[in-house]
C-alpha cells in the first residue's frame, strides 16, 4: 500500500468542489496572501526583470496590469524594427490575436493580471469562447448559455461577430439567449416557453 499526501490546500479545494455547504464551512481556513518574493506578479526574478523597449520599457507585469483595450492600443502602436521582428514577430502576432479575440467578446476592461476566481461566470464563458475562436477548431458543437449576460448592449455586436466567426469555421452553435439582438441574428430559432423550465 502506498499513499502520497497531496497537501492541505488541494484537499480543501477538492472538498469545496464536492459541496457548497462544506465550502462555506472551510472558507475561513484558506486565505490568499501576496507573495513577498514576486509581489504578486507570479513571475520569477529573471522574467520580472525583462523590459520591452518597444512598449515603453514596461515589464511583463506592468503590461499584464493594463486593461486589454489599452494593451491592444500599445501593441498596435509598436512598430518593431527588423531585429525585433525576427525575435518577437510571431509571438507579438499571437499576443495581438489573442488580445483581439478577448476584446471581440466584450472583455476589453479586464487585465491579464486578474485572478480567475474573481471573474464572473459570464466573463469565464466569454474567455473560453475567445479561446475557441482563436484555436481554429472546426466541426465542434458549442452550447452557450446566455453569453450576453453582463455585457453592455453596445458590445453585443462584437460578441455576435465572434460567434459568427466560430460558426464560419465550420462549427455548430447552440445558444440559449433572451437578448433580442442575438435571437434575431440566429440562423435557426427554437422558441421555448412560456415559462422557464417548462
N, C-alpha and C. Protein backbone atom coordinates (compact mmCIF):
# COMPACT_ATOMS: atom_id res chain seq x y z
N UNK A 1 0.85 -1.18 0.00
CA UNK A 1 0.00 0.00 0.00
C UNK A 1 0.89 1.24 0.00
N UNK A 2 0.57 2.19 -0.89
CA UNK A 2 1.36 3.41 -0.98
C UNK A 2 0.41 4.60 -0.98
N UNK A 3 0.75 5.63 -0.23
CA UNK A 3 -0.10 6.81 -0.12
C UNK A 3 0.77 8.05 -0.28
N UNK A 4 0.35 8.94 -1.17
CA UNK A 4 1.09 10.19 -1.35
C UNK A 4 0.18 11.34 -0.92
N UNK A 5 0.59 12.08 0.08
CA UNK A 5 -0.20 13.19 0.61
C UNK A 5 -0.09 14.37 -0.34
N UNK A 6 -1.24 14.88 -0.79
CA UNK A 6 -1.26 15.99 -1.75
C UNK A 6 -1.05 17.34 -1.09
N UNK A 7 -1.32 17.42 0.19
CA UNK A 7 -1.22 18.70 0.89
C UNK A 7 -2.59 19.18 1.32
N UNK A 8 -2.60 20.12 2.24
CA UNK A 8 -3.85 20.61 2.81
C UNK A 8 -4.66 21.43 1.80
N UNK A 9 -4.00 22.32 1.08
CA UNK A 9 -4.73 23.20 0.16
C UNK A 9 -5.47 22.41 -0.92
N UNK A 10 -4.82 21.45 -1.62
CA UNK A 10 -5.57 20.65 -2.60
C UNK A 10 -6.71 19.85 -1.96
N UNK A 11 -6.50 19.35 -0.75
CA UNK A 11 -7.56 18.60 -0.07
C UNK A 11 -8.76 19.49 0.23
N UNK A 12 -8.51 20.72 0.67
CA UNK A 12 -9.60 21.66 0.93
C UNK A 12 -10.31 22.03 -0.36
N UNK A 13 -9.55 22.23 -1.43
CA UNK A 13 -10.15 22.56 -2.72
C UNK A 13 -11.04 21.45 -3.23
N UNK A 14 -10.59 20.22 -3.08
CA UNK A 14 -11.39 19.07 -3.52
C UNK A 14 -12.66 18.94 -2.69
N UNK A 15 -12.55 19.14 -1.39
CA UNK A 15 -13.72 19.08 -0.51
C UNK A 15 -14.71 20.18 -0.85
N UNK A 16 -14.21 21.37 -1.17
CA UNK A 16 -15.08 22.50 -1.50
C UNK A 16 -15.83 22.27 -2.81
N UNK A 17 -15.20 21.56 -3.75
CA UNK A 17 -15.87 21.25 -5.02
C UNK A 17 -17.02 20.28 -4.83
N UNK A 18 -16.94 19.45 -3.82
CA UNK A 18 -17.96 18.44 -3.59
C UNK A 18 -19.25 19.02 -3.04
N UNK A 19 -19.16 20.08 -2.24
CA UNK A 19 -20.36 20.60 -1.58
C UNK A 19 -20.21 22.09 -1.29
N UNK A 20 -21.22 22.87 -1.69
CA UNK A 20 -21.21 24.30 -1.40
C UNK A 20 -21.27 24.55 0.10
N UNK A 21 -22.06 23.75 0.81
CA UNK A 21 -22.18 23.92 2.26
C UNK A 21 -20.82 23.68 2.93
N UNK A 22 -20.16 22.62 2.49
CA UNK A 22 -18.84 22.30 3.04
C UNK A 22 -17.85 23.42 2.70
N UNK A 23 -17.97 23.95 1.50
CA UNK A 23 -17.09 25.05 1.10
C UNK A 23 -17.24 26.23 2.05
N UNK A 24 -18.48 26.58 2.38
CA UNK A 24 -18.73 27.68 3.31
C UNK A 24 -18.11 27.44 4.67
N UNK A 25 -18.14 26.20 5.10
CA UNK A 25 -17.57 25.86 6.42
C UNK A 25 -16.04 25.87 6.40
N UNK A 26 -15.43 25.67 5.22
CA UNK A 26 -13.97 25.60 5.13
C UNK A 26 -13.32 26.93 4.74
N UNK A 27 -14.12 27.89 4.26
CA UNK A 27 -13.58 29.16 3.75
C UNK A 27 -12.66 29.87 4.74
N UNK A 28 -12.96 29.82 6.00
CA UNK A 28 -12.14 30.54 6.98
C UNK A 28 -10.75 29.93 7.15
N UNK A 29 -10.53 28.73 6.61
CA UNK A 29 -9.23 28.06 6.75
C UNK A 29 -8.23 28.49 5.68
N UNK A 30 -8.74 29.11 4.62
CA UNK A 30 -7.88 29.45 3.48
C UNK A 30 -7.94 30.96 3.24
N UNK A 31 -6.78 31.56 3.04
CA UNK A 31 -6.72 32.98 2.75
C UNK A 31 -5.61 33.21 1.73
N UNK A 32 -5.80 34.17 0.86
CA UNK A 32 -4.77 34.49 -0.12
C UNK A 32 -3.90 35.60 0.43
N UNK A 33 -2.59 35.44 0.25
CA UNK A 33 -1.64 36.48 0.63
C UNK A 33 -0.73 36.73 -0.57
N UNK A 34 -0.30 37.96 -0.69
CA UNK A 34 0.59 38.30 -1.80
C UNK A 34 1.98 37.74 -1.53
N UNK A 35 2.58 37.16 -2.54
CA UNK A 35 3.92 36.59 -2.43
C UNK A 35 4.92 37.72 -2.15
N UNK A 36 5.74 37.54 -1.14
CA UNK A 36 6.72 38.57 -0.78
C UNK A 36 7.90 38.60 -1.76
N UNK A 37 8.10 37.54 -2.51
CA UNK A 37 9.22 37.48 -3.45
C UNK A 37 8.87 38.18 -4.76
N UNK A 38 7.71 37.86 -5.34
CA UNK A 38 7.35 38.42 -6.65
C UNK A 38 6.37 39.58 -6.56
N UNK A 39 5.90 39.91 -5.35
CA UNK A 39 4.94 41.00 -5.12
C UNK A 39 3.65 40.79 -5.91
N UNK A 40 3.26 39.54 -6.08
CA UNK A 40 2.00 39.24 -6.74
C UNK A 40 2.06 39.17 -8.25
N UNK A 41 3.23 39.33 -8.84
CA UNK A 41 3.34 39.30 -10.31
C UNK A 41 3.30 37.88 -10.87
N UNK A 42 3.60 36.89 -10.03
CA UNK A 42 3.65 35.48 -10.43
C UNK A 42 4.76 35.20 -11.44
N UNK A 43 5.81 36.03 -11.39
CA UNK A 43 6.95 35.87 -12.30
C UNK A 43 8.22 35.66 -11.49
N UNK A 44 9.12 34.82 -12.06
CA UNK A 44 10.44 34.66 -11.45
C UNK A 44 11.23 35.95 -11.64
N UNK A 45 12.31 36.10 -10.87
CA UNK A 45 13.12 37.32 -10.94
C UNK A 45 13.59 37.63 -12.35
N UNK A 46 14.10 36.61 -13.07
CA UNK A 46 14.62 36.87 -14.42
C UNK A 46 13.52 37.31 -15.38
N UNK A 47 12.34 36.71 -15.29
CA UNK A 47 11.23 37.10 -16.17
C UNK A 47 10.68 38.47 -15.77
N UNK A 48 10.64 38.75 -14.48
CA UNK A 48 10.12 40.04 -14.00
C UNK A 48 11.03 41.20 -14.39
N UNK A 49 12.31 40.93 -14.61
CA UNK A 49 13.27 41.98 -14.93
C UNK A 49 13.23 42.39 -16.40
N UNK A 50 12.62 41.59 -17.26
CA UNK A 50 12.59 41.89 -18.69
C UNK A 50 11.76 43.14 -18.94
N UNK A 51 12.35 44.08 -19.71
CA UNK A 51 11.63 45.28 -20.12
C UNK A 51 11.52 45.26 -21.64
N UNK A 52 10.35 45.60 -22.12
CA UNK A 52 10.10 45.58 -23.56
C UNK A 52 10.26 46.99 -24.12
N UNK A 53 11.36 47.19 -24.86
CA UNK A 53 11.72 48.53 -25.34
C UNK A 53 10.62 49.13 -26.22
N UNK A 54 10.03 48.34 -27.09
CA UNK A 54 9.01 48.87 -27.99
C UNK A 54 7.71 49.22 -27.31
N UNK A 55 7.56 48.80 -26.07
CA UNK A 55 6.33 49.06 -25.33
C UNK A 55 6.62 49.95 -24.12
N UNK A 56 7.42 50.98 -24.34
CA UNK A 56 7.70 51.96 -23.30
C UNK A 56 8.54 51.45 -22.16
N UNK A 57 9.41 50.48 -22.43
CA UNK A 57 10.27 49.89 -21.40
C UNK A 57 9.47 49.33 -20.23
N UNK A 58 8.27 48.90 -20.50
CA UNK A 58 7.43 48.30 -19.46
C UNK A 58 7.85 46.85 -19.23
N UNK A 59 7.63 46.39 -18.00
CA UNK A 59 7.87 44.99 -17.69
C UNK A 59 6.64 44.17 -18.08
N UNK A 60 6.80 42.85 -18.09
CA UNK A 60 5.68 41.96 -18.39
C UNK A 60 4.56 42.19 -17.37
N UNK A 61 4.93 42.34 -16.10
CA UNK A 61 3.93 42.57 -15.06
C UNK A 61 3.16 43.86 -15.31
N UNK A 62 3.86 44.92 -15.68
CA UNK A 62 3.18 46.21 -15.96
C UNK A 62 2.22 46.08 -17.13
N UNK A 63 2.62 45.34 -18.15
CA UNK A 63 1.73 45.13 -19.30
C UNK A 63 0.51 44.30 -18.92
N UNK A 64 0.72 43.31 -18.05
CA UNK A 64 -0.39 42.47 -17.61
C UNK A 64 -1.40 43.23 -16.77
N UNK A 65 -0.99 44.34 -16.19
CA UNK A 65 -1.90 45.13 -15.35
C UNK A 65 -2.67 46.19 -16.15
N UNK A 66 -2.35 46.33 -17.45
CA UNK A 66 -3.12 47.23 -18.31
C UNK A 66 -4.43 46.55 -18.68
N UNK A 67 -5.48 47.34 -18.93
CA UNK A 67 -6.71 46.75 -19.44
C UNK A 67 -6.41 46.17 -20.82
N UNK A 68 -7.17 45.17 -21.24
CA UNK A 68 -6.94 44.56 -22.55
C UNK A 68 -7.08 45.59 -23.67
N UNK A 69 -8.03 46.52 -23.52
CA UNK A 69 -8.20 47.57 -24.52
C UNK A 69 -6.95 48.43 -24.64
N UNK A 70 -6.39 48.83 -23.51
CA UNK A 70 -5.17 49.65 -23.50
C UNK A 70 -3.98 48.84 -24.00
N UNK A 71 -3.89 47.58 -23.61
CA UNK A 71 -2.81 46.72 -24.07
C UNK A 71 -2.84 46.58 -25.59
N UNK A 72 -4.03 46.42 -26.16
CA UNK A 72 -4.16 46.32 -27.62
C UNK A 72 -3.67 47.60 -28.29
N UNK A 73 -4.01 48.75 -27.72
CA UNK A 73 -3.55 50.03 -28.28
C UNK A 73 -2.03 50.11 -28.26
N UNK A 74 -1.42 49.70 -27.15
CA UNK A 74 0.04 49.74 -27.01
C UNK A 74 0.70 48.81 -28.04
N UNK A 75 0.17 47.61 -28.17
CA UNK A 75 0.75 46.64 -29.11
C UNK A 75 0.59 47.12 -30.54
N UNK A 76 -0.59 47.66 -30.87
CA UNK A 76 -0.84 48.15 -32.23
C UNK A 76 0.05 49.34 -32.57
N UNK A 77 0.39 50.16 -31.58
CA UNK A 77 1.22 51.34 -31.81
C UNK A 77 2.70 50.99 -31.96
N UNK A 78 3.11 49.82 -31.48
CA UNK A 78 4.52 49.43 -31.53
C UNK A 78 4.90 49.09 -32.96
N UNK A 79 5.95 49.74 -33.44
CA UNK A 79 6.49 49.47 -34.76
C UNK A 79 7.86 48.81 -34.60
N UNK A 80 7.90 47.47 -34.48
CA UNK A 80 9.18 46.80 -34.24
C UNK A 80 10.13 46.95 -35.44
N UNK A 81 11.42 47.13 -35.13
CA UNK A 81 12.41 47.19 -36.20
C UNK A 81 12.69 45.77 -36.70
N UNK A 82 13.60 45.65 -37.65
CA UNK A 82 13.89 44.36 -38.29
C UNK A 82 14.33 43.30 -37.27
N UNK A 83 15.24 43.68 -36.38
CA UNK A 83 15.74 42.73 -35.37
C UNK A 83 14.63 42.31 -34.42
N UNK A 84 13.82 43.27 -33.97
CA UNK A 84 12.72 42.96 -33.06
C UNK A 84 11.70 42.04 -33.73
N UNK A 85 11.48 42.25 -35.03
CA UNK A 85 10.55 41.38 -35.76
C UNK A 85 11.07 39.95 -35.80
N UNK A 86 12.40 39.80 -35.99
CA UNK A 86 12.98 38.46 -36.03
C UNK A 86 12.83 37.77 -34.69
N UNK A 87 13.01 38.52 -33.60
CA UNK A 87 12.96 37.94 -32.26
C UNK A 87 11.52 37.73 -31.80
N UNK A 88 10.66 38.72 -32.01
CA UNK A 88 9.34 38.70 -31.38
C UNK A 88 8.17 38.72 -32.36
N UNK A 89 8.45 38.67 -33.65
CA UNK A 89 7.39 38.81 -34.65
C UNK A 89 6.23 37.85 -34.48
N UNK A 90 6.52 36.56 -34.41
CA UNK A 90 5.47 35.55 -34.29
C UNK A 90 4.77 35.62 -32.94
N UNK A 91 5.55 35.82 -31.88
CA UNK A 91 4.97 35.93 -30.54
C UNK A 91 4.07 37.16 -30.46
N UNK A 92 4.53 38.27 -31.00
CA UNK A 92 3.74 39.51 -30.98
C UNK A 92 2.43 39.33 -31.75
N UNK A 93 2.50 38.67 -32.89
CA UNK A 93 1.30 38.42 -33.69
C UNK A 93 0.30 37.56 -32.91
N UNK A 94 0.80 36.54 -32.23
CA UNK A 94 -0.08 35.67 -31.44
C UNK A 94 -0.69 36.42 -30.26
N UNK A 95 0.11 37.23 -29.57
CA UNK A 95 -0.41 38.03 -28.46
C UNK A 95 -1.48 38.99 -28.98
N UNK A 96 -1.18 39.66 -30.09
CA UNK A 96 -2.14 40.61 -30.67
C UNK A 96 -3.46 39.90 -30.99
N UNK A 97 -3.38 38.72 -31.60
CA UNK A 97 -4.60 37.98 -31.96
C UNK A 97 -5.40 37.57 -30.73
N UNK A 98 -4.71 37.06 -29.72
CA UNK A 98 -5.42 36.60 -28.51
C UNK A 98 -6.07 37.76 -27.76
N UNK A 99 -5.36 38.88 -27.67
CA UNK A 99 -5.95 40.06 -27.02
C UNK A 99 -7.15 40.54 -27.83
N UNK A 100 -7.03 40.52 -29.14
CA UNK A 100 -8.13 40.96 -30.01
C UNK A 100 -9.35 40.05 -29.82
N UNK A 101 -9.15 38.74 -29.72
CA UNK A 101 -10.27 37.82 -29.50
C UNK A 101 -10.99 38.15 -28.20
N UNK A 102 -10.24 38.44 -27.15
CA UNK A 102 -10.84 38.78 -25.85
C UNK A 102 -11.63 40.09 -25.94
N UNK A 103 -11.09 41.05 -26.67
CA UNK A 103 -11.80 42.32 -26.86
C UNK A 103 -13.06 42.10 -27.68
N UNK A 104 -12.97 41.23 -28.69
CA UNK A 104 -14.12 40.96 -29.56
C UNK A 104 -15.32 40.38 -28.82
N UNK A 105 -15.09 39.73 -27.69
CA UNK A 105 -16.21 39.18 -26.92
C UNK A 105 -16.56 40.08 -25.73
N UNK A 106 -16.09 41.35 -25.78
CA UNK A 106 -16.52 42.34 -24.80
C UNK A 106 -15.76 42.36 -23.50
N UNK A 107 -14.51 41.90 -23.50
CA UNK A 107 -13.74 41.84 -22.25
C UNK A 107 -12.60 42.86 -22.22
N UNK A 108 -12.75 43.97 -22.94
CA UNK A 108 -11.68 44.96 -23.05
C UNK A 108 -11.31 45.61 -21.72
N UNK A 109 -12.17 45.53 -20.73
CA UNK A 109 -11.93 46.16 -19.43
C UNK A 109 -11.11 45.27 -18.49
N UNK A 110 -10.96 43.98 -18.80
CA UNK A 110 -10.20 43.07 -17.94
C UNK A 110 -8.70 43.29 -18.10
N UNK A 111 -7.94 42.81 -17.12
CA UNK A 111 -6.48 42.79 -17.23
C UNK A 111 -6.03 41.34 -17.22
N UNK A 112 -4.85 41.08 -17.76
CA UNK A 112 -4.31 39.72 -17.74
C UNK A 112 -3.86 39.32 -16.34
N UNK A 113 -3.72 40.30 -15.45
CA UNK A 113 -3.30 40.01 -14.08
C UNK A 113 -4.48 39.62 -13.18
N UNK A 114 -5.67 39.72 -13.69
CA UNK A 114 -6.87 39.44 -12.86
C UNK A 114 -6.96 37.95 -12.54
N UNK A 115 -7.05 37.59 -11.27
CA UNK A 115 -7.14 36.17 -10.89
C UNK A 115 -8.45 35.54 -11.40
N UNK A 116 -8.37 34.33 -11.91
CA UNK A 116 -9.54 33.65 -12.46
C UNK A 116 -10.70 33.53 -11.47
N UNK A 117 -10.46 33.24 -10.18
CA UNK A 117 -11.60 33.11 -9.27
C UNK A 117 -12.43 34.38 -9.10
N UNK A 118 -11.87 35.55 -9.49
CA UNK A 118 -12.62 36.80 -9.33
C UNK A 118 -13.49 37.11 -10.54
N UNK A 119 -13.42 36.28 -11.58
CA UNK A 119 -14.21 36.51 -12.79
C UNK A 119 -15.62 35.97 -12.60
N UNK A 120 -16.58 36.63 -13.23
CA UNK A 120 -17.96 36.15 -13.18
C UNK A 120 -18.11 34.95 -14.12
N UNK A 121 -19.22 34.25 -13.99
CA UNK A 121 -19.48 33.12 -14.88
C UNK A 121 -19.55 33.55 -16.33
N UNK A 122 -20.17 34.71 -16.59
CA UNK A 122 -20.26 35.22 -17.96
C UNK A 122 -18.90 35.58 -18.53
N UNK A 123 -18.03 36.17 -17.69
CA UNK A 123 -16.68 36.50 -18.15
C UNK A 123 -15.90 35.24 -18.47
N UNK A 124 -16.01 34.23 -17.62
CA UNK A 124 -15.31 32.97 -17.88
C UNK A 124 -15.81 32.33 -19.17
N UNK A 125 -17.12 32.37 -19.39
CA UNK A 125 -17.68 31.79 -20.60
C UNK A 125 -17.15 32.51 -21.84
N UNK A 126 -17.05 33.84 -21.77
CA UNK A 126 -16.56 34.60 -22.93
C UNK A 126 -15.07 34.39 -23.14
N UNK A 127 -14.31 34.16 -22.06
CA UNK A 127 -12.88 33.84 -22.21
C UNK A 127 -12.74 32.50 -22.93
N UNK A 128 -13.54 31.52 -22.52
CA UNK A 128 -13.49 30.22 -23.20
C UNK A 128 -13.91 30.36 -24.66
N UNK A 129 -14.90 31.20 -24.93
CA UNK A 129 -15.34 31.44 -26.30
C UNK A 129 -14.21 32.05 -27.12
N UNK A 130 -13.52 33.05 -26.57
CA UNK A 130 -12.40 33.68 -27.27
C UNK A 130 -11.30 32.67 -27.55
N UNK A 131 -11.04 31.78 -26.59
CA UNK A 131 -10.02 30.74 -26.78
C UNK A 131 -10.41 29.81 -27.92
N UNK A 132 -11.69 29.49 -28.02
CA UNK A 132 -12.15 28.59 -29.08
C UNK A 132 -12.07 29.27 -30.44
N UNK A 133 -12.43 30.55 -30.51
CA UNK A 133 -12.32 31.28 -31.77
C UNK A 133 -10.87 31.29 -32.22
N UNK A 134 -9.96 31.48 -31.27
CA UNK A 134 -8.53 31.53 -31.58
C UNK A 134 -7.92 30.18 -31.89
N UNK A 135 -8.56 29.10 -31.47
CA UNK A 135 -7.98 27.77 -31.66
C UNK A 135 -8.08 27.27 -33.10
N UNK A 136 -9.07 27.77 -33.83
CA UNK A 136 -9.25 27.33 -35.21
C UNK A 136 -9.89 25.96 -35.35
N UNK A 137 -10.44 25.39 -34.27
CA UNK A 137 -11.11 24.09 -34.34
C UNK A 137 -12.34 24.18 -35.22
N UNK A 138 -12.66 23.08 -35.89
CA UNK A 138 -13.88 23.06 -36.70
C UNK A 138 -14.60 21.74 -36.47
N UNK A 139 -15.91 21.73 -36.77
CA UNK A 139 -16.71 20.53 -36.59
C UNK A 139 -17.10 20.27 -35.15
N UNK A 140 -17.14 21.31 -34.33
CA UNK A 140 -17.43 21.18 -32.90
C UNK A 140 -18.81 21.77 -32.62
N UNK A 141 -19.54 21.16 -31.68
CA UNK A 141 -20.81 21.71 -31.21
C UNK A 141 -20.54 22.49 -29.93
N UNK A 142 -20.86 23.78 -29.95
CA UNK A 142 -20.71 24.63 -28.78
C UNK A 142 -22.10 24.94 -28.22
N UNK A 143 -22.27 24.77 -26.91
CA UNK A 143 -23.51 25.12 -26.24
C UNK A 143 -23.20 26.30 -25.33
N UNK A 144 -23.82 27.45 -25.61
CA UNK A 144 -23.56 28.67 -24.86
C UNK A 144 -24.82 29.10 -24.13
N UNK A 145 -24.70 29.30 -22.84
CA UNK A 145 -25.84 29.71 -22.02
C UNK A 145 -25.77 31.21 -21.75
N UNK A 146 -26.60 31.96 -22.44
CA UNK A 146 -26.72 33.41 -22.30
C UNK A 146 -25.36 34.12 -22.30
N UNK A 147 -24.64 34.07 -23.43
CA UNK A 147 -23.31 34.69 -23.48
C UNK A 147 -23.33 36.21 -23.34
N UNK A 148 -24.51 36.85 -23.48
CA UNK A 148 -24.55 38.31 -23.35
C UNK A 148 -24.72 38.78 -21.92
N UNK A 149 -24.86 37.86 -20.97
CA UNK A 149 -25.04 38.28 -19.56
C UNK A 149 -23.84 39.12 -19.13
N UNK A 150 -24.12 40.27 -18.56
CA UNK A 150 -23.07 41.16 -18.08
C UNK A 150 -22.48 42.05 -19.15
N UNK A 151 -22.89 41.87 -20.40
CA UNK A 151 -22.38 42.69 -21.48
C UNK A 151 -23.18 43.98 -21.60
N UNK A 152 -22.50 45.06 -21.89
CA UNK A 152 -23.20 46.30 -22.23
C UNK A 152 -23.82 46.08 -23.61
N UNK A 153 -25.02 46.58 -23.85
CA UNK A 153 -25.68 46.35 -25.15
C UNK A 153 -24.81 46.72 -26.35
N UNK A 154 -23.93 47.70 -26.21
CA UNK A 154 -23.08 48.09 -27.35
C UNK A 154 -22.07 47.00 -27.71
N UNK A 155 -21.80 46.09 -26.76
CA UNK A 155 -20.83 45.02 -27.02
C UNK A 155 -21.47 43.79 -27.65
N UNK A 156 -22.80 43.78 -27.78
CA UNK A 156 -23.48 42.63 -28.38
C UNK A 156 -22.99 42.37 -29.80
N UNK A 157 -22.81 43.44 -30.58
CA UNK A 157 -22.37 43.28 -31.97
C UNK A 157 -21.00 42.61 -32.05
N UNK A 158 -20.11 42.97 -31.13
CA UNK A 158 -18.79 42.33 -31.09
C UNK A 158 -18.93 40.84 -30.80
N UNK A 159 -19.76 40.52 -29.82
CA UNK A 159 -19.98 39.12 -29.46
C UNK A 159 -20.58 38.37 -30.64
N UNK A 160 -21.54 38.98 -31.31
CA UNK A 160 -22.15 38.33 -32.48
C UNK A 160 -21.12 38.07 -33.57
N UNK A 161 -20.21 39.01 -33.79
CA UNK A 161 -19.15 38.80 -34.79
C UNK A 161 -18.29 37.60 -34.39
N UNK A 162 -17.96 37.50 -33.10
CA UNK A 162 -17.14 36.37 -32.63
C UNK A 162 -17.90 35.05 -32.81
N UNK A 163 -19.19 35.04 -32.50
CA UNK A 163 -20.00 33.83 -32.68
C UNK A 163 -20.06 33.45 -34.16
N UNK A 164 -20.21 34.43 -35.02
CA UNK A 164 -20.27 34.15 -36.46
C UNK A 164 -18.93 33.62 -36.97
N UNK A 165 -17.84 34.15 -36.44
CA UNK A 165 -16.52 33.63 -36.83
C UNK A 165 -16.39 32.17 -36.43
N UNK A 166 -16.87 31.84 -35.24
CA UNK A 166 -16.83 30.46 -34.76
C UNK A 166 -17.68 29.57 -35.66
N UNK A 167 -18.86 30.05 -36.03
CA UNK A 167 -19.74 29.31 -36.95
C UNK A 167 -19.07 29.15 -38.32
N UNK A 168 -18.48 30.22 -38.81
CA UNK A 168 -17.87 30.19 -40.15
C UNK A 168 -16.65 29.27 -40.23
N UNK A 169 -16.10 28.90 -39.07
CA UNK A 169 -15.00 27.92 -39.05
C UNK A 169 -15.52 26.50 -39.27
N UNK A 170 -16.86 26.34 -39.35
CA UNK A 170 -17.44 25.02 -39.57
C UNK A 170 -17.99 24.39 -38.31
N UNK A 171 -18.29 25.21 -37.32
CA UNK A 171 -18.82 24.72 -36.06
C UNK A 171 -20.32 24.96 -35.97
N UNK A 172 -20.96 24.26 -35.05
CA UNK A 172 -22.38 24.46 -34.76
C UNK A 172 -22.49 25.09 -33.38
N UNK A 173 -23.31 26.13 -33.28
CA UNK A 173 -23.51 26.81 -32.01
C UNK A 173 -24.96 26.69 -31.59
N UNK A 174 -25.18 26.22 -30.38
CA UNK A 174 -26.50 26.18 -29.78
C UNK A 174 -26.46 27.22 -28.66
N UNK A 175 -27.21 28.30 -28.84
CA UNK A 175 -27.14 29.43 -27.92
C UNK A 175 -28.48 29.60 -27.21
N UNK A 176 -28.45 29.55 -25.89
CA UNK A 176 -29.64 29.86 -25.08
C UNK A 176 -29.54 31.34 -24.77
N UNK A 177 -30.53 32.11 -25.23
CA UNK A 177 -30.42 33.56 -25.11
C UNK A 177 -31.79 34.22 -25.06
N UNK A 178 -31.87 35.35 -24.34
CA UNK A 178 -33.09 36.14 -24.27
C UNK A 178 -32.93 37.49 -24.97
N UNK A 179 -31.70 37.87 -25.26
CA UNK A 179 -31.44 39.16 -25.89
C UNK A 179 -31.98 39.16 -27.32
N UNK A 180 -32.83 40.13 -27.64
CA UNK A 180 -33.49 40.18 -28.96
C UNK A 180 -32.50 40.28 -30.11
N UNK A 181 -31.44 41.05 -29.93
CA UNK A 181 -30.46 41.23 -30.99
C UNK A 181 -29.77 39.90 -31.33
N UNK A 182 -29.42 39.13 -30.32
CA UNK A 182 -28.78 37.83 -30.54
C UNK A 182 -29.77 36.85 -31.16
N UNK A 183 -31.00 36.85 -30.64
CA UNK A 183 -32.03 35.96 -31.18
C UNK A 183 -32.27 36.28 -32.66
N UNK A 184 -32.34 37.56 -33.01
CA UNK A 184 -32.59 37.97 -34.40
C UNK A 184 -31.45 37.55 -35.33
N UNK A 185 -30.25 37.38 -34.80
CA UNK A 185 -29.09 37.02 -35.63
C UNK A 185 -28.97 35.52 -35.85
N UNK A 186 -29.83 34.73 -35.21
CA UNK A 186 -29.73 33.26 -35.31
C UNK A 186 -30.05 32.78 -36.71
N UNK A 187 -29.35 31.73 -37.15
CA UNK A 187 -29.66 31.09 -38.43
C UNK A 187 -30.96 30.31 -38.32
N UNK A 188 -31.15 29.65 -37.20
CA UNK A 188 -32.39 28.91 -36.92
C UNK A 188 -32.80 29.22 -35.49
N UNK A 189 -34.11 29.22 -35.26
CA UNK A 189 -34.61 29.62 -33.95
C UNK A 189 -35.59 28.60 -33.40
N UNK A 190 -35.37 28.21 -32.16
CA UNK A 190 -36.31 27.36 -31.42
C UNK A 190 -36.77 28.17 -30.23
N UNK A 191 -38.08 28.39 -30.12
CA UNK A 191 -38.63 29.20 -29.05
C UNK A 191 -39.29 28.29 -28.03
N UNK A 192 -38.78 28.30 -26.80
CA UNK A 192 -39.35 27.50 -25.72
C UNK A 192 -40.05 28.44 -24.75
N UNK A 193 -41.16 27.99 -24.21
CA UNK A 193 -41.83 28.85 -23.25
C UNK A 193 -43.21 28.33 -22.98
N UNK A 194 -44.05 29.06 -22.31
CA UNK A 194 -43.91 30.48 -21.97
C UNK A 194 -43.04 30.74 -20.75
N UNK A 195 -42.81 29.76 -19.90
CA UNK A 195 -42.02 29.99 -18.69
C UNK A 195 -40.74 29.17 -18.73
N UNK A 196 -39.78 29.57 -17.94
CA UNK A 196 -38.50 28.85 -17.90
C UNK A 196 -38.70 27.44 -17.37
N UNK A 197 -37.99 26.48 -17.95
CA UNK A 197 -38.00 25.11 -17.46
C UNK A 197 -39.25 24.33 -17.75
N UNK A 198 -40.10 24.82 -18.65
CA UNK A 198 -41.34 24.10 -18.96
C UNK A 198 -41.41 23.71 -20.42
